[in-house]
Structure formats: structure tokens, C-alpha cells
Protein backbone atom coordinates (compact mmCIF):
# COMPACT_ATOMS: atom_id res chain seq x y z
CA MET A 1 112.32 118.88 95.55
CA THR A 2 109.55 116.33 95.98
CA VAL A 3 108.61 114.36 99.09
CA ILE A 4 106.06 111.52 99.20
CA VAL A 5 105.06 109.94 102.51
CA LEU A 6 103.15 106.63 102.50
CA SER A 7 101.36 104.96 105.40
CA THR A 8 100.07 101.37 105.26
CA CYS A 9 100.50 101.13 101.49
CA PRO A 10 101.42 97.99 99.52
CA ALA A 11 105.12 97.10 99.26
CA GLY A 12 104.85 97.09 95.45
CA LEU A 13 104.00 100.78 95.47
CA ARG A 14 107.06 101.51 97.59
CA GLY A 15 109.18 99.54 95.11
CA TYR A 16 107.70 101.49 92.21
CA LEU A 17 108.56 104.83 93.83
CA THR A 18 112.19 103.79 94.37
CA ARG A 19 112.66 103.91 90.59
CA TRP A 20 112.35 107.71 90.73
CA LEU A 21 112.89 108.72 94.36
CA VAL A 22 115.16 107.72 97.26
CA GLU A 23 113.53 106.10 100.31
CA ILE A 24 115.22 107.87 103.24
CA SER A 25 113.07 106.21 105.89
CA ALA A 26 110.27 103.64 105.86
CA GLY A 27 107.58 105.11 103.60
CA VAL A 28 109.34 108.49 103.11
CA PHE A 29 110.56 109.18 99.57
CA ILE A 30 112.49 112.24 98.40
CA GLY A 31 113.87 113.38 95.05
CA GLY A 32 113.87 115.98 92.33
CA PRO A 33 111.80 114.71 89.39
CA SER A 34 110.24 117.04 86.84
CA ALA A 35 106.67 118.26 87.30
CA ARG A 36 105.42 115.81 84.66
CA ILE A 37 107.05 112.84 86.40
CA ARG A 38 105.83 114.07 89.80
CA GLU A 39 102.23 114.17 88.55
CA ALA A 40 102.56 110.70 86.99
CA LEU A 41 103.96 109.32 90.26
CA TRP A 42 101.15 110.93 92.27
CA GLN A 43 98.53 109.39 89.95
CA GLU A 44 100.13 105.95 90.48
CA VAL A 45 100.19 106.48 94.26
CA LYS A 46 96.48 107.39 94.31
CA GLN A 47 95.60 104.42 92.13
CA TYR A 48 97.58 101.77 94.03
CA ALA A 49 97.52 103.04 97.64
CA GLY A 50 94.59 100.78 98.49
CA THR A 51 93.53 101.40 102.08
CA GLY A 52 96.74 103.35 102.81
CA ARG A 53 97.32 107.08 103.07
CA ALA A 54 99.69 109.30 101.12
CA LEU A 55 101.04 112.83 101.26
CA LEU A 56 102.84 114.69 98.46
CA ALA A 57 104.88 117.85 99.15
CA TYR A 58 106.87 119.69 96.50
CA SER A 59 108.70 122.96 95.91
CA THR A 60 106.82 125.64 94.02
CA ASP A 61 106.82 129.38 93.42
CA ASN A 62 104.35 130.69 96.01
CA GLU A 63 104.40 132.49 99.38
CA GLN A 64 105.14 129.30 101.31
CA GLY A 65 107.70 127.96 98.85
CA PHE A 66 105.99 124.58 98.70
CA ALA A 67 102.64 122.94 98.02
CA PHE A 68 101.17 119.66 99.14
CA GLU A 69 98.38 117.23 98.37
CA THR A 70 96.89 114.45 100.44
CA PHE A 71 95.21 111.15 99.64
CA ASP A 72 92.83 109.55 102.13
CA HIS A 73 94.06 111.61 105.08
CA LYS A 74 91.76 112.86 107.83
CA TRP A 75 93.56 116.20 107.66
CA ARG A 76 92.88 118.06 104.43
CA PRO A 77 94.53 121.10 102.82
CA VAL A 78 92.53 124.34 102.89
CA ASP A 79 93.41 127.70 101.32
CA HIS A 80 93.37 130.45 103.96
CA GLU A 81 94.12 133.92 102.56
CA GLY A 82 96.67 132.57 100.10
CA LEU A 83 98.31 130.12 102.51
CA THR A 84 97.60 126.42 102.40
CA LEU A 85 96.91 125.04 105.85
CA LEU A 86 95.85 121.63 107.09
CA LEU A 87 92.35 121.41 108.51
CA ARG A 88 92.17 118.87 111.30
CA PRO A 89 88.88 117.08 111.94
CA HIS A 90 86.99 118.29 115.00
CA GLN A 91 87.72 116.16 118.05
CA GLN A 92 85.76 116.11 121.26
CA SER A 93 87.70 117.87 124.02
CA ALA A 94 88.46 116.19 127.34
CA ASP A 95 86.24 118.76 129.13
CA ALA A 96 83.21 117.72 127.08
CA ILE A 97 83.44 114.07 128.20
CA GLN A 98 81.47 113.64 131.41
CA PRO A 99 82.89 111.18 133.95
CA THR A 100 80.57 108.46 135.19
CA LYS A 101 79.17 108.94 138.66
CA GLY A 102 79.82 106.58 141.52
CA TRP A 103 82.75 104.46 142.56
CA SER A 104 85.01 102.60 140.15
CA LYS A 105 85.33 98.84 140.45
CA ALA A 106 88.92 99.15 141.66
CA SER A 107 87.93 101.73 144.28
CA ARG A 108 85.11 99.51 145.54
CA ARG A 109 87.51 96.59 145.91
CA ARG A 110 89.95 98.67 147.93
CA ARG A 111 87.21 100.22 150.06
CA PHE A 112 85.21 97.08 150.79
CA GLY A 113 88.05 94.64 151.32
CA GLY A 114 88.91 92.97 148.03
CA ARG A 115 85.54 91.79 146.71
């Protein structure tokens, strides 16, 4: 089983993938091609994705039962003690953002009579 998910990729690439896989939703392709065909499709996706993003997931013989690859995603696969996990980029937490001091413009308008 092979799944390819495309985001903001050219329509021609989507048309190319429909030769081998079934598009079950916009940008989501699923099918059962051989490993050789899967690798050829993934090479085409990486070559023609342009500024888009792509994700490939497929069945394999490992602990998880599947493997995946990404192209131009912010999240990237990382091996952690034999399991492949997605590493998310560090984001600043809401606690770390300091609010500005003083009154907001809307609060000033309400407080001082609509100025």
C-alpha cells in the first residue's frame, strides 16, 4: 500500500500520479504499485513539486509496519530507537511572548469616551 499526499503542487503532477494511483481526495493518492514504480513516482514528485510539499507513506516490514518520506515539509522524519517519528520545528510558546504594557487602543476608546 502506498499513499502520496501533495500540497500546493502543480495540477500536471496530480494528473501524472493518477496513471498509477487513485486520487481519493484532493491531493491524496493511494494504490499498490511495486517498490520500483513507487520509487520512480517519488522521484517524479520531488522533481516536479515546485514550491509544493509532498509526503510518501508505504507499507514495509519493520516494527511500525510502514515507512514514510517527506519533501519540503517543516516536519522531518527522525529515527528514534528504531521507530521513525516526525520532528516538529521548535515554536515559541504562548508563555514566552510578553504582552505589551499599557492600554489597548480599543480600551482607551471605551474608557475615554470614543476618541
